[in-house]
PDB file of N, CA and C in Angstrom:
ATOM      1  N   MET A   1      -5.683  11.940   8.130  1.00  0.00           N
ATOM      2  CA  MET A   1      -6.015  11.088   6.909  1.00  0.00           C
ATOM      3  C   MET A   1      -7.363  11.369   7.956  1.00  0.00           C
ATOM      4  N   ALA A   2      -9.085  11.930   7.003  1.00  0.00           N
ATOM      5  CA  ALA A   2      -9.865  13.089   7.900  1.00  0.00           C
ATOM      6  C   ALA A   2     -10.482  11.743   8.716  1.00  0.00           C
ATOM      7  N   CYS A   3     -11.639  12.357  10.219  1.00  0.00           N
ATOM      8  CA  CYS A   3     -12.112  11.827  10.395  1.00  0.00           C
ATOM      9  C   CYS A   3     -13.226  11.568   9.623  1.00  0.00           C
ATOM     10  N   PHE A   4     -14.057   9.991  10.225  1.00  0.00           N
ATOM     11  CA  PHE A   4     -15.482   8.863   9.292  1.00  0.00           C
ATOM     12  C   PHE A   4     -16.440   8.876   9.957  1.00  0.00           C
ATOM     13  N   SER A   5     -16.506  10.612  11.300  1.00  0.00           N
ATOM     14  CA  SER A   5     -17.345  10.776  11.856  1.00  0.00           C
ATOM     15  C   SER A   5     -17.721  12.189  10.929  1.00  0.00           C
ATOM     16  N   CYS A   6     -16.302  13.453  11.530  1.00  0.00           N
ATOM     17  CA  CYS A   6     -17.190  15.028  11.648  1.00  0.00           C
ATOM     18  C   CYS A   6     -16.105  14.940   9.654  1.00  0.00           C
ATOM     19  N   ARG A   7     -14.967  14.157   9.702  1.00  0.00           N
ATOM     20  CA  ARG A   7     -14.672  14.673   8.347  1.00  0.00           C
ATOM     21  C   ARG A   7     -13.686  15.933   8.700  1.00  0.00           C
ATOM     22  N   SER A   8     -13.509  15.460  10.555  1.00  0.00           N
ATOM     23  CA  SER A   8     -11.502  16.982  10.993  1.00  0.00           C
ATOM     24  C   SER A   8     -10.366  16.414   9.887  1.00  0.00           C
ATOM     25  N   GLU A   9      -9.685  17.129  10.486  1.00  0.00           N
ATOM     26  CA  GLU A   9      -8.027  16.726   9.364  1.00  0.00           C
ATOM     27  C   GLU A   9      -7.365  16.357  11.343  1.00  0.00           C
ATOM     28  N   ASN A  10      -8.268  17.401  12.471  1.00  0.00           N
ATOM     29  CA  ASN A  10      -7.626  17.094  13.867  1.00  0.00           C
ATOM     30  C   ASN A  10      -8.023  15.479  14.615  1.00  0.00           C
ATOM     31  N   VAL A  11      -6.447  14.388  13.530  1.00  0.00           N
ATOM     32  CA  VAL A  11      -6.713  13.315  13.536  1.00  0.00           C
ATOM     33  C   VAL A  11      -5.573  13.112  14.939  1.00  0.00           C
ATOM     34  N   LYS A  12      -5.091  12.289  15.524  1.00  0.00           N
ATOM     35  CA  LYS A  12      -3.928  12.102  16.545  1.00  0.00           C
ATOM     36  C   LYS A  12      -3.604  10.693  16.683  1.00  0.00           C
ATOM     37  N   ALA A  13      -2.109   9.718  16.470  1.00  0.00           N
ATOM     38  CA  ALA A  13      -2.744   8.606  16.239  1.00  0.00           C
ATOM     39  C   ALA A  13      -1.891   8.120  18.036  1.00  0.00           C
ATOM     40  N   PHE A  14      -2.121   7.743  18.963  1.00  0.00           N
ATOM     41  CA  PHE A  14      -1.789   7.381  20.164  1.00  0.00           C
ATOM     42  C   PHE A  14      -1.229   5.867  20.808  1.00  0.00           C
ATOM     43  N   ASN A  15      -0.361   5.836  21.010  1.00  0.00           N
ATOM     44  CA  ASN A  15      -0.027   3.768  21.753  1.00  0.00           C
ATOM     45  C   ASN A  15      -1.710   3.270  22.635  1.00  0.00           C
ATOM     46  N   SER A  16      -1.629   2.564  22.931  1.00  0.00           N
ATOM     47  CA  SER A  16      -2.975   2.159  23.809  1.00  0.00           C
ATOM     48  C   SER A  16      -2.528   0.539  23.745  1.00  0.00           C
ATOM     49  N   GLU A  17      -3.145   0.583  25.849  1.00  0.00           N
ATOM     50  CA  GLU A  17      -3.271  -1.088  25.652  1.00  0.00           C
ATOM     51  C   GLU A  17      -4.952  -0.970  26.073  1.00  0.00           C
ATOM     52  N   ILE A  18      -5.236  -2.781  25.319  1.00  0.00           N
ATOM     53  CA  ILE A  18      -6.812  -2.977  25.222  1.00  0.00           C
ATOM     54  C   ILE A  18      -6.808  -4.447  25.297  1.00  0.00           C
ATOM     55  N   ASN A  19      -7.784  -4.947  25.749  1.00  0.00           N
ATOM     56  CA  ASN A  19      -8.620  -6.485  26.139  1.00  0.00           C
ATOM     57  C   ASN A  19      -9.862  -6.148  25.860  1.00  0.00           C
ATOM     58  N   ILE A  20      -9.698  -7.127  24.444  1.00  0.00           N
ATOM     59  CA  ILE A  20     -10.708  -7.660  22.991  1.00  0.00           C
ATOM     60  C   ILE A  20     -11.447  -8.716  24.623  1.00  0.00           C
ATOM     61  N   HIS A  21     -12.097  -9.109  25.057  1.00  0.00           N
ATOM     62  CA  HIS A  21     -13.500  -9.953  25.307  1.00  0.00           C
ATOM     63  C   HIS A  21     -13.994 -10.610  24.762  1.00  0.00           C
ATOM     64  N   ILE A  22     -14.343 -11.700  24.184  1.00  0.00           N
ATOM     65  CA  ILE A  22     -14.653 -12.720  23.198  1.00  0.00           C
ATOM     66  C   ILE A  22     -16.175 -13.164  23.067  1.00  0.00           C
ATOM     67  N   PRO A  23     -17.331 -12.755  22.573  1.00  0.00           N
ATOM     68  CA  PRO A  23     -18.659 -12.047  23.652  1.00  0.00           C
ATOM     69  C   PRO A  23     -18.731 -13.778  22.824  1.00  0.00           C
ATOM     70  N   GLY A  24     -20.307 -14.000  23.533  1.00  0.00           N
ATOM     71  CA  GLY A  24     -20.617 -14.952  24.605  1.00  0.00           C
ATOM     72  C   GLY A  24     -20.492 -15.702  25.841  1.00  0.00           C
ATOM     73  N   GLU A  25     -21.621 -16.725  26.628  1.00  0.00           N
ATOM     74  CA  GLU A  25     -21.204 -16.970  27.776  1.00  0.00           C
ATOM     75  C   GLU A  25     -20.180 -18.448  27.551  1.00  0.00           C
ATOM     76  N   PRO A  26     -20.032 -18.526  27.028  1.00  0.00           N
ATOM     77  CA  PRO A  26     -18.767 -19.852  27.099  1.00  0.00           C
ATOM     78  C   PRO A  26     -17.192 -19.286  27.179  1.00  0.00           C
ATOM     79  N   ASN A  27     -17.518 -18.095  26.822  1.00  0.00           N
ATOM     80  CA  ASN A  27     -15.951 -17.934  26.454  1.00  0.00           C
ATOM     81  C   ASN A  27     -15.609 -16.702  27.299  1.00  0.00           C
ATOM     82  N   LEU A  28     -16.318 -16.094  28.213  1.00  0.00           N
ATOM     83  CA  LEU A  28     -16.708 -15.436  29.853  1.00  0.00           C
ATOM     84  C   LEU A  28     -14.848 -15.526  29.433  1.00  0.00           C
ATOM     85  N   THR A  29     -14.665 -16.793  30.477  1.00  0.00           N
ATOM     86  CA  THR A  29     -12.679 -16.056  30.311  1.00  0.00           C
ATOM     87  C   THR A  29     -11.741 -16.169  29.453  1.00  0.00           C
ATOM     88  N   LYS A  30     -12.708 -15.740  28.306  1.00  0.00           N
ATOM     89  CA  LYS A  30     -11.858 -15.661  26.741  1.00  0.00           C
ATOM     90  C   LYS A  30     -11.268 -14.041  26.306  1.00  0.00           C
ATOM     91  N   SER A  31     -10.211 -13.778  26.062  1.00  0.00           N
ATOM     92  CA  SER A  31      -9.854 -12.523  26.036  1.00  0.00           C
ATOM     93  C   SER A  31      -8.694 -11.887  25.084  1.00  0.00           C
ATOM     94  N   VAL A  32      -8.109 -11.486  24.328  1.00  0.00           N
ATOM     95  CA  VAL A  32      -7.089 -10.818  23.885  1.00  0.00           C
ATOM     96  C   VAL A  32      -6.457  -9.437  24.440  1.00  0.00           C
ATOM     97  N   GLN A  33      -5.242  -9.179  24.705  1.00  0.00           N
ATOM     98  CA  GLN A  33      -5.031  -8.368  25.137  1.00  0.00           C
ATOM     99  C   GLN A  33      -3.545  -7.896  23.759  1.00  0.00           C
ATOM    100  N   ALA A  34      -3.812  -6.395  22.920  1.00  0.00           N
ATOM    101  CA  ALA A  34      -3.246  -5.618  22.455  1.00  0.00           C
ATOM    102  C   ALA A  34      -2.601  -4.797  22.324  1.00  0.00           C
ATOM    103  N   PHE A  35      -2.356  -4.575  21.898  1.00  0.00           N
ATOM    104  CA  PHE A  35      -1.368  -2.975  21.965  1.00  0.00           C
ATOM    105  C   PHE A  35      -1.763  -2.470  20.596  1.00  0.00           C
ATOM    106  N   PRO A  36      -2.365  -1.842  19.843  1.00  0.00           N
ATOM    107  CA  PRO A  36      -3.282  -1.032  19.009  1.00  0.00           C
ATOM    108  C   PRO A  36      -2.366   0.232  19.555  1.00  0.00           C
ATOM    109  N   LYS A  37      -2.455   0.764  17.349  1.00  0.00           N
ATOM    110  CA  LYS A  37      -2.799   2.397  16.903  1.00  0.00           C
ATOM    111  C   LYS A  37      -4.094   2.847  17.572  1.00  0.00           C
ATOM    112  N   LEU A  38      -4.064   3.288  18.486  1.00  0.00           N
ATOM    113  CA  LEU A  38      -5.925   5.050  18.711  1.00  0.00           C
ATOM    114  C   LEU A  38      -5.614   6.192  18.071  1.00  0.00           C
ATOM    115  N   LEU A  39      -6.222   5.852  16.706  1.00  0.00           N
ATOM    116  CA  LEU A  39      -6.364   7.477  16.703  1.00  0.00           C
ATOM    117  C   LEU A  39      -7.950   7.470  16.835  1.00  0.00           C
ATOM    118  N   VAL A  40      -8.087   9.184  17.329  1.00  0.00           N
ATOM    119  CA  VAL A  40      -8.658   9.900  17.856  1.00  0.00           C
ATOM    120  C   VAL A  40      -8.543  10.597  17.606  1.00  0.00           C
ATOM    121  N   CYS A  41     -10.226  11.058  16.411  1.00  0.00           N
ATOM    122  CA  CYS A  41     -10.559  12.943  16.048  1.00  0.00           C
ATOM    123  C   CYS A  41     -10.412  13.464  17.138  1.00  0.00           C
ATOM    124  N   LEU A  42      -9.775  14.780  17.894  1.00  0.00           N
ATOM    125  CA  LEU A  42      -9.625  15.592  18.666  1.00  0.00           C
ATOM    126  C   LEU A  42     -10.520  17.327  18.732  1.00  0.00           C
ATOM    127  N   ASP A  43     -11.715  16.217  17.205  1.00  0.00           N
ATOM    128  CA  ASP A  43     -13.096  17.490  17.279  1.00  0.00           C
ATOM    129  C   ASP A  43     -14.011  16.742  18.206  1.00  0.00           C
ATOM    130  N   CYS A  44     -14.015  15.688  17.470  1.00  0.00           N
ATOM    131  CA  CYS A  44     -15.476  14.761  17.760  1.00  0.00           C
ATOM    132  C   CYS A  44     -15.050  12.925  18.730  1.00  0.00           C
ATOM    133  N   GLY A  45     -14.060  13.123  18.829  1.00  0.00           N
ATOM    134  CA  GLY A  45     -14.340  11.719  19.732  1.00  0.00           C
ATOM    135  C   GLY A  45     -13.647  10.738  19.263  1.00  0.00           C
ATOM    136  N   LEU A  46     -14.546  10.804  17.623  1.00  0.00           N
ATOM    137  CA  LEU A  46     -14.194   9.437  17.652  1.00  0.00           C
ATOM    138  C   LEU A  46     -13.266   8.841  17.626  1.00  0.00           C
ATOM    139  N   ALA A  47     -13.197   6.826  17.711  1.00  0.00           N
ATOM    140  CA  ALA A  47     -11.664   6.484  18.007  1.00  0.00           C
ATOM    141  C   ALA A  47     -12.217   5.216  17.106  1.00  0.00           C
ATOM    142  N   ASP A  48     -10.552   5.000  16.639  1.00  0.00           N
ATOM    143  CA  ASP A  48     -10.093   4.342  15.713  1.00  0.00           C
ATOM    144  C   ASP A  48      -9.227   3.147  16.280  1.00  0.00           C
ATOM    145  N   VAL A  49      -9.172   2.018  15.436  1.00  0.00           N
ATOM    146  CA  VAL A  49      -7.998   0.874  16.624  1.00  0.00           C
ATOM    147  C   VAL A  49      -7.440   0.599  15.530  1.00  0.00           C
ATOM    148  N   LEU A  50      -5.531   0.908  15.351  1.00  0.00           N
ATOM    149  CA  LEU A  50      -5.704  -0.556  13.720  1.00  0.00           C
ATOM    150  C   LEU A  50      -4.471  -1.797  15.233  1.00  0.00           C
ATOM    151  N   LEU A  51      -5.370  -2.960  14.834  1.00  0.00           N
ATOM    152  CA  LEU A  51      -4.430  -3.797  15.218  1.00  0.00           C
ATOM    153  C   LEU A  51      -3.183  -3.980  14.304  1.00  0.00           C
ATOM    154  N   SER A  52      -2.332  -5.120  14.755  1.00  0.00           N
ATOM    155  CA  SER A  52      -0.815  -4.886  13.837  1.00  0.00           C
ATOM    156  C   SER A  52      -1.254  -7.005  13.391  1.00  0.00           C
ATOM    157  N   GLN A  53      -1.490  -6.999  12.436  1.00  0.00           N
ATOM    158  CA  GLN A  53      -1.560  -8.392  11.537  1.00  0.00           C
ATOM    159  C   GLN A  53      -1.355  -8.880  12.574  1.00  0.00           C
ATOM    160  N   ASP A  54       0.226  -9.776  13.914  1.00  0.00           N
ATOM    161  CA  ASP A  54      -0.214  -9.933  14.961  1.00  0.00           C
ATOM    162  C   ASP A  54      -1.125 -10.982  15.269  1.00  0.00           C
ATOM    163  N   GLU A  55      -1.382  -9.243  15.956  1.00  0.00           N
ATOM    164  CA  GLU A  55      -2.365  -9.194  16.784  1.00  0.00           C
ATOM    165  C   GLU A  55      -3.667  -9.449  16.488  1.00  0.00           C
ATOM    166  N   LEU A  56      -3.865  -8.757  15.032  1.00  0.00           N
ATOM    167  CA  LEU A  56      -5.344  -9.630  14.686  1.00  0.00           C
ATOM    168  C   LEU A  56      -5.302 -11.694  13.544  1.00  0.00           C
ATOM    169  N   ARG A  57      -4.303 -12.259  14.199  1.00  0.00           N
ATOM    170  CA  ARG A  57      -3.801 -13.391  13.738  1.00  0.00           C
ATOM    171  C   ARG A  57      -4.243 -14.409  15.671  1.00  0.00           C
ATOM    172  N   ASN A  58      -3.852 -12.747  16.208  1.00  0.00           N
ATOM    173  CA  ASN A  58      -3.975 -13.552  17.763  1.00  0.00           C
ATOM    174  C   ASN A  58      -6.028 -13.741  18.536  1.00  0.00           C
ATOM    175  N   LEU A  59      -6.360 -12.133  17.865  1.00  0.00           N
ATOM    176  CA  LEU A  59      -7.560 -13.104  18.046  1.00  0.00           C
ATOM    177  C   LEU A  59      -8.570 -13.725  17.283  1.00  0.00           C
ATOM    178  N   THR A  60      -8.399 -13.371  15.523  1.00  0.00           N
ATOM    179  CA  THR A  60      -8.950 -14.467  14.696  1.00  0.00           C
ATOM    180  C   THR A  60      -8.300 -16.310  15.830  1.00  0.00           C
ATOM    181  N   GLN A  61      -7.725 -16.371  15.805  1.00  0.00           N
ATOM    182  CA  GLN A  61      -7.088 -17.833  16.818  1.00  0.00           C
ATOM    183  C   GLN A  61      -8.212 -17.579  18.045  1.00  0.00           C
ATOM    184  N   THR A  62      -8.206 -16.978  18.588  1.00  0.00           N
ATOM    185  CA  THR A  62      -8.818 -16.597  20.187  1.00  0.00           C
ATOM    186  C   THR A  62     -10.263 -17.859  19.533  1.00  0.00           C
ATOM    187  N   VAL A  63     -10.639 -16.754  19.106  1.00  0.00           N
ATOM    188  CA  VAL A  63     -12.571 -16.597  18.254  1.00  0.00           C
ATOM    189  C   VAL A  63     -12.927 -17.611  18.003  1.00  0.00           C
ATOM    190  N   GLY A  64     -11.993 -18.149  16.986  1.00  0.00           N
ATOM    191  CA  GLY A  64     -12.387 -19.728  17.452  1.00  0.00           C
ATOM    192  C   GLY A  64     -13.545 -19.997  15.956  1.00  0.00           C
ATOM    193  N   LYS A  65     -14.359 -20.811  16.534  1.00  0.00           N
ATOM    194  CA  LYS A  65     -15.905 -20.834  16.199  1.00  0.00           C
ATOM    195  C   LYS A  65     -16.970 -21.107  16.560  1.00  0.00           C
ATOM    196  N   PRO A  66     -17.875 -19.558  16.702  1.00  0.00           N
ATOM    197  CA  PRO A  66     -18.227 -19.230  17.503  1.00  0.00           C
ATOM    198  C   PRO A  66     -19.916 -20.490  18.240  1.00  0.00           C
ATOM    199  N   SER A  67     -20.658 -20.985  19.346  1.00  0.00           N
ATOM    200  CA  SER A  67     -20.783 -21.315  19.238  1.00  0.00           C
ATOM    201  C   SER A  67     -22.949 -21.706  19.482  1.00  0.00           C
ATOM    202  N   ASN A  68     -22.326 -20.378  20.057  1.00  0.00           N
ATOM    203  CA  ASN A  68     -24.310 -19.397  18.621  1.00  0.00           C
ATOM    204  C   ASN A  68     -23.177 -18.335  17.761  1.00  0.00           C
ATOM    205  N   PRO A  69     -23.840 -18.831  16.228  1.00  0.00           N
ATOM    206  CA  PRO A  69     -23.297 -17.238  14.956  1.00  0.00           C
ATOM    207  C   PRO A  69     -24.334 -16.042  15.922  1.00  0.00           C
ATOM    208  N   ARG A  70     -25.312 -16.068  16.609  1.00  0.00           N
ATOM    209  CA  ARG A  70     -25.809 -14.687  17.071  1.00  0.00           C
ATOM    210  C   ARG A  70     -24.456 -13.901  18.136  1.00  0.00           C
ATOM    211  N   ASP A  71     -23.833 -14.310  18.764  1.00  0.00           N
ATOM    212  CA  ASP A  71     -22.655 -14.069  19.797  1.00  0.00           C
ATOM    213  C   ASP A  71     -21.870 -13.270  18.963  1.00  0.00           C
ATOM    214  N   MET A  72     -21.209 -13.409  17.548  1.00  0.00           N
ATOM    215  CA  MET A  72     -20.409 -12.846  17.035  1.00  0.00           C
ATOM    216  C   MET A  72     -20.929 -11.804  15.511  1.00  0.00           C
ATOM    217  N   ASN A  73     -22.264 -11.562  15.980  1.00  0.00           N
ATOM    218  CA  ASN A  73     -23.637 -10.417  14.304  1.00  0.00           C
ATOM    219  C   ASN A  73     -22.493  -9.232  15.577  1.00  0.00           C
ATOM    220  N   VAL A  74     -21.874  -8.036  14.496  1.00  0.00           N
ATOM    221  CA  VAL A  74     -21.845  -6.628  14.210  1.00  0.00           C
ATOM    222  C   VAL A  74     -22.517  -6.359  13.736  1.00  0.00           C
ATOM    223  N   THR A  75     -23.143  -5.174  13.707  1.00  0.00           N
ATOM    224  CA  THR A  75     -24.049  -4.300  13.061  1.00  0.00           C
ATOM    225  C   THR A  75     -23.477  -2.848  12.606  1.00  0.00           C
ATOM    226  N   VAL A  76     -22.360  -3.023  11.774  1.00  0.00           N
ATOM    227  CA  VAL A  76     -21.675  -2.082  11.278  1.00  0.00           C
ATOM    228  C   VAL A  76     -22.773  -0.652  10.411  1.00  0.00           C
ATOM    229  N   SER A  77     -22.291   0.601  10.367  1.00  0.00           N
ATOM    230  CA  SER A  77     -23.174   1.598  10.106  1.00  0.00           C
ATOM    231  C   SER A  77     -22.238   1.914   9.531  1.00  0.00           C
ATOM    232  N   THR A  78     -22.901   2.696   8.334  1.00  0.00           N
ATOM    233  CA  THR A  78     -21.778   4.211   8.216  1.00  0.00           C
ATOM    234  C   THR A  78     -21.840   5.009   9.108  1.00  0.00           C
ATOM    235  N   GLU A  79     -23.274   6.187   9.954  1.00  0.00           N
ATOM    236  CA  GLU A  79     -23.090   6.348  10.599  1.00  0.00           C
ATOM    237  C   GLU A  79     -22.681   6.228  12.210  1.00  0.00           C
ATOM    238  N   SER A  80     -21.899   7.349  12.386  1.00  0.00           N
ATOM    239  CA  SER A  80     -21.623   7.229  14.335  1.00  0.00           C
ATOM    240  C   SER A  80     -22.888   7.102  14.720  1.00  0.00           C
ATOM    241  N   PRO A  81     -22.556   6.794  15.765  1.00  0.00           N
ATOM    242  CA  PRO A  81     -23.493   6.303  16.840  1.00  0.00           C
ATOM    243  C   PRO A  81     -23.124   7.758  18.232  1.00  0.00           C
ATOM    244  N   LEU A  82     -22.797   8.469  17.560  1.00  0.00           N
ATOM    245  CA  LEU A  82     -22.396   9.436  19.179  1.00  0.00           C
ATOM    246  C   LEU A  82     -22.725  11.030  17.847  1.00  0.00           C
ATOM    247  N   ARG A  83     -23.095  10.629  16.848  1.00  0.00           N
ATOM    248  CA  ARG A  83     -22.962  12.028  16.039  1.00  0.00           C
ATOM    249  C   ARG A  83     -24.397  12.101  16.923  1.00  0.00           C
ATOM    250  N   ASP A  84     -25.414  12.349  16.969  1.00  0.00           N
ATOM    251  CA  ASP A  84     -26.422  12.702  17.901  1.00  0.00           C
ATOM    252  C   ASP A  84     -26.575  12.718  18.612  1.00  0.00           C
ATOM    253  N   GLN A  85     -25.414  12.747  19.968  1.00  0.00           N
ATOM    254  CA  GLN A  85     -25.742  12.880  21.604  1.00  0.00           C
ATOM    255  C   GLN A  85     -25.693  13.763  21.863  1.00  0.00           C
TER     256      GLN A  85
END
């Protein structure tokens, strides 16, 4: 699998533990703990997280319907934000 950012083949999978915090002021105490695979490019440092179906379902149930739709907006780009730094 090639890196999405630099196209290097030097990508390795690692076990990880993350705590996903739900955005928005009403959700300050909401979070989901997950133990996903972390794919890291050892050349440029870009990391990707792969959640299991159970972790994804748990996250979806915890998020529910946002009180303010702007709290859940995410901008997706094909360019790496770290590319020019």
